[in-house]
PDB file of N, CA and C in Angstrom:
ATOM      1  N   MET A   1      59.716 128.231 148.013  1.00  0.00           N
ATOM      2  CA  MET A   1      60.452 126.982 148.110  1.00  0.00           C
ATOM      3  C   MET A   1      61.876 127.166 147.608  1.00  0.00           C
ATOM      4  N   ALA A   2      62.774 126.487 148.238  1.00  0.00           N
ATOM      5  CA  ALA A   2      64.177 126.552 147.824  1.00  0.00           C
ATOM      6  C   ALA A   2      64.403 125.606 146.660  1.00  0.00           C
ATOM      7  N   ARG A   3      65.227 126.024 145.747  1.00  0.00           N
ATOM      8  CA  ARG A   3      65.570 125.180 144.598  1.00  0.00           C
ATOM      9  C   ARG A   3      66.672 124.204 144.974  1.00  0.00           C
ATOM     10  N   SER A   4      66.655 123.092 144.348  1.00  0.00           N
ATOM     11  CA  SER A   4      67.722 122.107 144.544  1.00  0.00           C
ATOM     12  C   SER A   4      68.974 122.596 143.835  1.00  0.00           C
ATOM     13  N   ARG A   5      70.068 122.542 144.513  1.00  0.00           N
ATOM     14  CA  ARG A   5      71.326 122.975 143.895  1.00  0.00           C
ATOM     15  C   ARG A   5      71.854 121.963 142.900  1.00  0.00           C
ATOM     16  N   GLY A   6      71.474 120.725 143.053  1.00  0.00           N
ATOM     17  CA  GLY A   6      71.984 119.669 142.174  1.00  0.00           C
ATOM     18  C   GLY A   6      71.635 119.885 140.719  1.00  0.00           C
ATOM     19  N   SER A   7      70.407 120.312 140.422  1.00  0.00           N
ATOM     20  CA  SER A   7      70.009 120.460 139.025  1.00  0.00           C
ATOM     21  C   SER A   7      70.719 121.630 138.351  1.00  0.00           C
ATOM     22  N   SER A   8      70.961 122.716 139.081  1.00  0.00           N
ATOM     23  CA  SER A   8      71.614 123.855 138.457  1.00  0.00           C
ATOM     24  C   SER A   8      73.107 123.621 138.273  1.00  0.00           C
ATOM     25  N   SER A   9      73.701 122.750 139.058  1.00  0.00           N
ATOM     26  CA  SER A   9      75.137 122.515 138.919  1.00  0.00           C
ATOM     27  C   SER A   9      75.450 121.603 137.747  1.00  0.00           C
ATOM     28  N   ARG A  10      74.455 120.891 137.217  1.00  0.00           N
ATOM     29  CA  ARG A  10      74.706 120.003 136.081  1.00  0.00           C
ATOM     30  C   ARG A  10      74.766 120.749 134.750  1.00  0.00           C
ATOM     31  N   ALA A  11      74.060 121.845 134.624  1.00  0.00           N
ATOM     32  CA  ALA A  11      73.989 122.566 133.348  1.00  0.00           C
ATOM     33  C   ALA A  11      75.348 123.026 132.842  1.00  0.00           C
ATOM     34  N   PRO A  12      76.215 123.633 133.651  1.00  0.00           N
ATOM     35  CA  PRO A  12      77.509 124.061 133.125  1.00  0.00           C
ATOM     36  C   PRO A  12      78.347 122.907 132.592  1.00  0.00           C
ATOM     37  N   ALA A  13      78.301 121.759 133.247  1.00  0.00           N
ATOM     38  CA  ALA A  13      79.081 120.614 132.772  1.00  0.00           C
ATOM     39  C   ALA A  13      78.605 120.181 131.396  1.00  0.00           C
ATOM     40  N   ARG A  14      77.286 120.190 131.180  1.00  0.00           N
ATOM     41  CA  ARG A  14      76.746 119.810 129.880  1.00  0.00           C
ATOM     42  C   ARG A  14      77.167 120.830 128.832  1.00  0.00           C
ATOM     43  N   ASP A  15      77.131 122.129 129.154  1.00  0.00           N
ATOM     44  CA  ASP A  15      77.545 123.170 128.225  1.00  0.00           C
ATOM     45  C   ASP A  15      79.026 123.039 127.880  1.00  0.00           C
ATOM     46  N   GLU A  16      79.854 122.782 128.883  1.00  0.00           N
ATOM     47  CA  GLU A  16      81.284 122.627 128.631  1.00  0.00           C
ATOM     48  C   GLU A  16      81.543 121.429 127.733  1.00  0.00           C
ATOM     49  N   SER A  17      80.810 120.360 127.926  1.00  0.00           N
ATOM     50  CA  SER A  17      80.976 119.175 127.106  1.00  0.00           C
ATOM     51  C   SER A  17      80.618 119.467 125.654  1.00  0.00           C
ATOM     52  N   ALA A  18      79.528 120.186 125.426  1.00  0.00           N
ATOM     53  CA  ALA A  18      79.131 120.541 124.067  1.00  0.00           C
ATOM     54  C   ALA A  18      80.198 121.416 123.421  1.00  0.00           C
ATOM     55  N   ALA A  19      80.721 122.368 124.169  1.00  0.00           N
ATOM     56  CA  ALA A  19      81.772 123.238 123.633  1.00  0.00           C
ATOM     57  C   ALA A  19      83.006 122.432 123.283  1.00  0.00           C
ATOM     58  N   ASP A  20      83.321 121.430 124.091  1.00  0.00           N
ATOM     59  CA  ASP A  20      84.482 120.591 123.809  1.00  0.00           C
ATOM     60  C   ASP A  20      84.334 119.854 122.483  1.00  0.00           C
ATOM     61  N   HIS A  21      83.115 119.550 122.094  1.00  0.00           N
ATOM     62  CA  HIS A  21      82.883 118.856 120.829  1.00  0.00           C
ATOM     63  C   HIS A  21      82.793 119.811 119.655  1.00  0.00           C
ATOM     64  N   VAL A  22      82.262 121.000 119.875  1.00  0.00           N
ATOM     65  CA  VAL A  22      82.023 121.954 118.786  1.00  0.00           C
ATOM     66  C   VAL A  22      83.283 122.738 118.417  1.00  0.00           C
ATOM     67  N   LEU A  23      83.975 123.274 119.399  1.00  0.00           N
ATOM     68  CA  LEU A  23      85.121 124.165 119.126  1.00  0.00           C
ATOM     69  C   LEU A  23      86.170 123.562 118.193  1.00  0.00           C
ATOM     70  N   PRO A  24      86.573 122.314 118.375  1.00  0.00           N
ATOM     71  CA  PRO A  24      87.588 121.777 117.457  1.00  0.00           C
ATOM     72  C   PRO A  24      87.133 121.682 116.003  1.00  0.00           C
ATOM     73  N   ARG A  25      85.825 121.699 115.773  1.00  0.00           N
ATOM     74  CA  ARG A  25      85.312 121.567 114.406  1.00  0.00           C
ATOM     75  C   ARG A  25      85.028 122.901 113.726  1.00  0.00           C
ATOM     76  N   LEU A  26      85.057 123.980 114.485  1.00  0.00           N
ATOM     77  CA  LEU A  26      84.783 125.296 113.900  1.00  0.00           C
ATOM     78  C   LEU A  26      85.769 125.708 112.813  1.00  0.00           C
ATOM     79  N   PRO A  27      87.071 125.429 112.945  1.00  0.00           N
ATOM     80  CA  PRO A  27      87.982 125.841 111.861  1.00  0.00           C
ATOM     81  C   PRO A  27      87.586 125.276 110.498  1.00  0.00           C
ATOM     82  N   ALA A  28      87.136 124.035 110.451  1.00  0.00           N
ATOM     83  CA  ALA A  28      86.710 123.455 109.171  1.00  0.00           C
ATOM     84  C   ALA A  28      85.509 124.207 108.610  1.00  0.00           C
ATOM     85  N   LEU A  29      84.605 124.605 109.479  1.00  0.00           N
ATOM     86  CA  LEU A  29      83.440 125.367 109.032  1.00  0.00           C
ATOM     87  C   LEU A  29      83.852 126.747 108.540  1.00  0.00           C
ATOM     88  N   ILE A  30      84.799 127.367 109.205  1.00  0.00           N
ATOM     89  CA  ILE A  30      85.262 128.694 108.806  1.00  0.00           C
ATOM     90  C   ILE A  30      85.921 128.637 107.431  1.00  0.00           C
ATOM     91  N   ILE A  31      86.675 127.591 107.175  1.00  0.00           N
ATOM     92  CA  ILE A  31      87.288 127.438 105.843  1.00  0.00           C
ATOM     93  C   ILE A  31      86.188 127.409 104.790  1.00  0.00           C
ATOM     94  N   SER A  32      85.122 126.700 105.057  1.00  0.00           N
ATOM     95  CA  SER A  32      84.000 126.634 104.118  1.00  0.00           C
ATOM     96  C   SER A  32      83.287 127.974 103.999  1.00  0.00           C
ATOM     97  N   LEU A  33      83.091 128.640 105.122  1.00  0.00           N
ATOM     98  CA  LEU A  33      82.400 129.930 105.113  1.00  0.00           C
ATOM     99  C   LEU A  33      83.159 131.000 104.349  1.00  0.00           C
ATOM    100  N   THR A  34      84.469 130.973 104.451  1.00  0.00           N
ATOM    101  CA  THR A  34      85.273 132.041 103.863  1.00  0.00           C
ATOM    102  C   THR A  34      85.851 131.678 102.504  1.00  0.00           C
ATOM    103  N   ASP A  35      85.538 130.497 102.016  1.00  0.00           N
ATOM    104  CA  ASP A  35      86.063 130.030 100.728  1.00  0.00           C
ATOM    105  C   ASP A  35      87.582 130.030 100.690  1.00  0.00           C
ATOM    106  N   HIS A  36      88.210 129.824 101.832  1.00  0.00           N
ATOM    107  CA  HIS A  36      89.667 129.780 101.878  1.00  0.00           C
ATOM    108  C   HIS A  36      90.226 128.406 101.545  1.00  0.00           C
ATOM    109  N   ALA A  37      89.384 127.426 101.310  1.00  0.00           N
ATOM    110  CA  ALA A  37      89.869 126.084 101.021  1.00  0.00           C
ATOM    111  C   ALA A  37      90.810 126.095  99.821  1.00  0.00           C
ATOM    112  N   ALA A  38      90.494 126.875  98.795  1.00  0.00           N
ATOM    113  CA  ALA A  38      91.346 126.945  97.611  1.00  0.00           C
ATOM    114  C   ALA A  38      92.661 127.663  97.895  1.00  0.00           C
ATOM    115  N   GLU A  39      92.636 128.570  98.884  1.00  0.00           N
ATOM    116  CA  GLU A  39      93.842 129.337  99.201  1.00  0.00           C
ATOM    117  C   GLU A  39      94.814 128.575 100.093  1.00  0.00           C
ATOM    118  N   LEU A  40      94.304 127.571 100.822  1.00  0.00           N
ATOM    119  CA  LEU A  40      95.172 126.835 101.731  1.00  0.00           C
ATOM    120  C   LEU A  40      96.128 125.947 100.951  1.00  0.00           C
ATOM    121  N   ASN A  41      97.345 125.878 101.427  1.00  0.00           N
ATOM    122  CA  ASN A  41      98.298 124.948 100.836  1.00  0.00           C
ATOM    123  C   ASN A  41      98.973 124.199 101.967  1.00  0.00           C
ATOM    124  N   ALA A  42      99.901 123.338 101.650  1.00  0.00           N
ATOM    125  CA  ALA A  42     100.532 122.482 102.654  1.00  0.00           C
ATOM    126  C   ALA A  42     101.231 123.285 103.746  1.00  0.00           C
ATOM    127  N   SER A  43     101.733 124.460 103.429  1.00  0.00           N
ATOM    128  CA  SER A  43     102.460 125.239 104.424  1.00  0.00           C
ATOM    129  C   SER A  43     101.569 126.182 105.231  1.00  0.00           C
ATOM    130  N   ALA A  44     100.329 126.346 104.811  1.00  0.00           N
ATOM    131  CA  ALA A  44      99.426 127.259 105.519  1.00  0.00           C
ATOM    132  C   ALA A  44      98.803 126.554 106.720  1.00  0.00           C
ATOM    133  N   ALA A  45      98.790 127.230 107.833  1.00  0.00           N
ATOM    134  CA  ALA A  45      98.173 126.676 109.036  1.00  0.00           C
ATOM    135  C   ALA A  45      96.667 126.920 108.987  1.00  0.00           C
ATOM    136  N   PRO A  46      95.878 125.921 109.369  1.00  0.00           N
ATOM    137  CA  PRO A  46      94.425 126.131 109.397  1.00  0.00           C
ATOM    138  C   PRO A  46      94.061 127.108 110.510  1.00  0.00           C
ATOM    139  N   PRO A  47      92.891 127.710 110.433  1.00  0.00           N
ATOM    140  CA  PRO A  47      92.487 128.633 111.495  1.00  0.00           C
ATOM    141  C   PRO A  47      92.328 127.886 112.820  1.00  0.00           C
ATOM    142  N   THR A  48      92.578 128.577 113.897  1.00  0.00           N
ATOM    143  CA  THR A  48      92.399 128.001 115.234  1.00  0.00           C
ATOM    144  C   THR A  48      90.935 128.138 115.642  1.00  0.00           C
ATOM    145  N   PRO A  49      90.493 127.383 116.652  1.00  0.00           N
ATOM    146  CA  PRO A  49      89.132 127.576 117.148  1.00  0.00           C
ATOM    147  C   PRO A  49      88.885 129.024 117.593  1.00  0.00           C
ATOM    148  N   ALA A  50      89.878 129.652 118.223  1.00  0.00           N
ATOM    149  CA  ALA A  50      89.717 131.044 118.664  1.00  0.00           C
ATOM    150  C   ALA A  50      89.535 131.977 117.470  1.00  0.00           C
ATOM    151  N   ALA A  51      90.302 131.758 116.409  1.00  0.00           N
ATOM    152  CA  ALA A  51      90.161 132.584 115.203  1.00  0.00           C
ATOM    153  C   ALA A  51      88.799 132.348 114.553  1.00  0.00           C
ATOM    154  N   ALA A  52      88.316 131.110 114.619  1.00  0.00           N
ATOM    155  CA  ALA A  52      87.008 130.798 114.056  1.00  0.00           C
ATOM    156  C   ALA A  52      85.903 131.542 114.804  1.00  0.00           C
ATOM    157  N   VAL A  53      85.974 131.537 116.130  1.00  0.00           N
ATOM    158  CA  VAL A  53      84.976 132.246 116.938  1.00  0.00           C
ATOM    159  C   VAL A  53      85.051 133.742 116.663  1.00  0.00           C
ATOM    160  N   GLU A  54      86.261 134.267 116.555  1.00  0.00           N
ATOM    161  CA  GLU A  54      86.435 135.699 116.259  1.00  0.00           C
ATOM    162  C   GLU A  54      85.792 136.048 114.915  1.00  0.00           C
ATOM    163  N   HIS A  55      85.994 135.199 113.922  1.00  0.00           N
ATOM    164  CA  HIS A  55      85.406 135.433 112.597  1.00  0.00           C
ATOM    165  C   HIS A  55      83.878 135.411 112.673  1.00  0.00           C
ATOM    166  N   LEU A  56      83.320 134.421 113.376  1.00  0.00           N
ATOM    167  CA  LEU A  56      81.861 134.329 113.499  1.00  0.00           C
ATOM    168  C   LEU A  56      81.293 135.585 114.152  1.00  0.00           C
ATOM    169  N   ARG A  57      81.963 136.067 115.190  1.00  0.00           N
ATOM    170  CA  ARG A  57      81.498 137.283 115.872  1.00  0.00           C
ATOM    171  C   ARG A  57      81.628 138.503 114.970  1.00  0.00           C
ATOM    172  N   ALA A  58      82.756 138.631 114.292  1.00  0.00           N
ATOM    173  CA  ALA A  58      82.990 139.794 113.435  1.00  0.00           C
ATOM    174  C   ALA A  58      81.976 139.862 112.291  1.00  0.00           C
ATOM    175  N   GLU A  59      81.590 138.703 111.781  1.00  0.00           N
ATOM    176  CA  GLU A  59      80.645 138.647 110.662  1.00  0.00           C
ATOM    177  C   GLU A  59      79.192 138.498 111.114  1.00  0.00           C
ATOM    178  N   SER A  60      78.969 138.489 112.437  1.00  0.00           N
ATOM    179  CA  SER A  60      77.626 138.306 113.014  1.00  0.00           C
ATOM    180  C   SER A  60      76.941 137.056 112.475  1.00  0.00           C
ATOM    181  N   ILE A  61      77.684 135.961 112.439  1.00  0.00           N
ATOM    182  CA  ILE A  61      77.143 134.685 111.973  1.00  0.00           C
ATOM    183  C   ILE A  61      76.711 133.871 113.184  1.00  0.00           C
ATOM    184  N   SER A  62      75.460 133.494 113.202  1.00  0.00           N
ATOM    185  CA  SER A  62      74.931 132.646 114.266  1.00  0.00           C
ATOM    186  C   SER A  62      75.112 131.190 113.882  1.00  0.00           C
ATOM    187  N   MET A  63      75.263 130.356 114.886  1.00  0.00           N
ATOM    188  CA  MET A  63      75.362 128.917 114.676  1.00  0.00           C
ATOM    189  C   MET A  63      74.126 128.271 115.286  1.00  0.00           C
ATOM    190  N   ILE A  64      73.547 127.313 114.589  1.00  0.00           N
ATOM    191  CA  ILE A  64      72.341 126.632 115.042  1.00  0.00           C
ATOM    192  C   ILE A  64      72.665 125.151 115.197  1.00  0.00           C
ATOM    193  N   PHE A  65      72.471 124.620 116.411  1.00  0.00           N
ATOM    194  CA  PHE A  65      72.750 123.214 116.679  1.00  0.00           C
ATOM    195  C   PHE A  65      71.446 122.432 116.681  1.00  0.00           C
ATOM    196  N   ASP A  66      71.417 121.338 115.915  1.00  0.00           N
ATOM    197  CA  ASP A  66      70.265 120.435 115.889  1.00  0.00           C
ATOM    198  C   ASP A  66      70.663 119.172 116.640  1.00  0.00           C
ATOM    199  N   PRO A  67      70.137 118.981 117.856  1.00  0.00           N
ATOM    200  CA  PRO A  67      70.546 117.821 118.645  1.00  0.00           C
ATOM    201  C   PRO A  67      70.091 116.485 118.050  1.00  0.00           C
ATOM    202  N   THR A  68      69.044 116.498 117.254  1.00  0.00           N
ATOM    203  CA  THR A  68      68.562 115.257 116.650  1.00  0.00           C
ATOM    204  C   THR A  68      69.557 114.732 115.621  1.00  0.00           C
ATOM    205  N   THR A  69      70.017 115.596 114.742  1.00  0.00           N
ATOM    206  CA  THR A  69      70.961 115.178 113.703  1.00  0.00           C
ATOM    207  C   THR A  69      72.414 115.433 114.097  1.00  0.00           C
ATOM    208  N   ARG A  70      72.609 116.104 115.259  1.00  0.00           N
ATOM    209  CA  ARG A  70      73.930 116.463 115.766  1.00  0.00           C
ATOM    210  C   ARG A  70      74.716 117.252 114.725  1.00  0.00           C
ATOM    211  N   THR A  71      74.036 118.226 114.119  1.00  0.00           N
ATOM    212  CA  THR A  71      74.679 119.085 113.134  1.00  0.00           C
ATOM    213  C   THR A  71      74.690 120.522 113.634  1.00  0.00           C
ATOM    214  N   LEU A  72      75.725 121.235 113.229  1.00  0.00           N
ATOM    215  CA  LEU A  72      75.879 122.653 113.531  1.00  0.00           C
ATOM    216  C   LEU A  72      75.822 123.371 112.196  1.00  0.00           C
ATOM    217  N   THR A  73      74.856 124.277 112.050  1.00  0.00           N
ATOM    218  CA  THR A  73      74.625 124.960 110.782  1.00  0.00           C
ATOM    219  C   THR A  73      74.854 126.449 110.949  1.00  0.00           C
ATOM    220  N   ALA A  74      75.593 127.035 110.004  1.00  0.00           N
ATOM    221  CA  ALA A  74      75.816 128.477 110.005  1.00  0.00           C
ATOM    222  C   ALA A  74      74.586 129.166 109.447  1.00  0.00           C
ATOM    223  N   ASP A  75      74.173 130.231 110.093  1.00  0.00           N
ATOM    224  CA  ASP A  75      73.024 131.015 109.644  1.00  0.00           C
ATOM    225  C   ASP A  75      73.496 131.964 108.543  1.00  0.00           C
ATOM    226  N   THR A  76      73.744 131.388 107.378  1.00  0.00           N
ATOM    227  CA  THR A  76      74.209 132.129 106.199  1.00  0.00           C
ATOM    228  C   THR A  76      73.367 131.697 105.000  1.00  0.00           C
ATOM    229  N   PRO A  77      73.433 132.412 103.906  1.00  0.00           N
ATOM    230  CA  PRO A  77      72.649 132.004 102.729  1.00  0.00           C
ATOM    231  C   PRO A  77      72.958 130.578 102.253  1.00  0.00           C
ATOM    232  N   ARG A  78      74.221 130.154 102.367  1.00  0.00           N
ATOM    233  CA  ARG A  78      74.588 128.796 101.932  1.00  0.00           C
ATOM    234  C   ARG A  78      74.299 127.750 102.994  1.00  0.00           C
ATOM    235  N   GLY A  79      74.123 128.153 104.235  1.00  0.00           N
ATOM    236  CA  GLY A  79      73.793 127.214 105.310  1.00  0.00           C
ATOM    237  C   GLY A  79      74.827 126.125 105.505  1.00  0.00           C
ATOM    238  N   GLU A  80      76.106 126.489 105.550  1.00  0.00           N
ATOM    239  CA  GLU A  80      77.164 125.514 105.747  1.00  0.00           C
ATOM    240  C   GLU A  80      76.891 124.703 107.001  1.00  0.00           C
ATOM    241  N   ARG A  81      77.197 123.418 106.950  1.00  0.00           N
ATOM    242  CA  ARG A  81      76.841 122.508 108.043  1.00  0.00           C
ATOM    243  C   ARG A  81      77.975 121.543 108.324  1.00  0.00           C
ATOM    244  N   ILE A  82      78.173 121.274 109.613  1.00  0.00           N
ATOM    245  CA  ILE A  82      79.121 120.245 110.029  1.00  0.00           C
ATOM    246  C   ILE A  82      78.421 119.318 111.001  1.00  0.00           C
ATOM    247  N   THR A  83      78.876 118.078 111.044  1.00  0.00           N
ATOM    248  CA  THR A  83      78.345 117.092 111.993  1.00  0.00           C
ATOM    249  C   THR A  83      79.242 117.069 113.208  1.00  0.00           C
ATOM    250  N   ILE A  84      78.615 117.039 114.378  1.00  0.00           N
ATOM    251  CA  ILE A  84      79.344 116.972 115.645  1.00  0.00           C
ATOM    252  C   ILE A  84      79.292 115.537 116.135  1.00  0.00           C
ATOM    253  N   ASP A  85      80.440 114.911 116.219  1.00  0.00           N
ATOM    254  CA  ASP A  85      80.507 113.505 116.678  1.00  0.00           C
ATOM    255  C   ASP A  85      80.275 113.398 118.155  1.00  0.00           C
TER     256      ASP A  85
END
């Protein structure tokens, strides 16, 4: 049987939407993960979403999304967590 194309075309849009909500919040999580909050001052620029993703990859940190509570948790000993609006 042939698969319906309609159902497979919806998945990327849902993934892109989730990324649109998560990526802007990653820099705040990275500040918490790296303990740079104390180092930041008024003139320091916060990390970008791209820098946050690079850091997560370099440190092999997985992110776990809970759709019920809409939280994103870092798979680290401290389990840093952010809420996705």
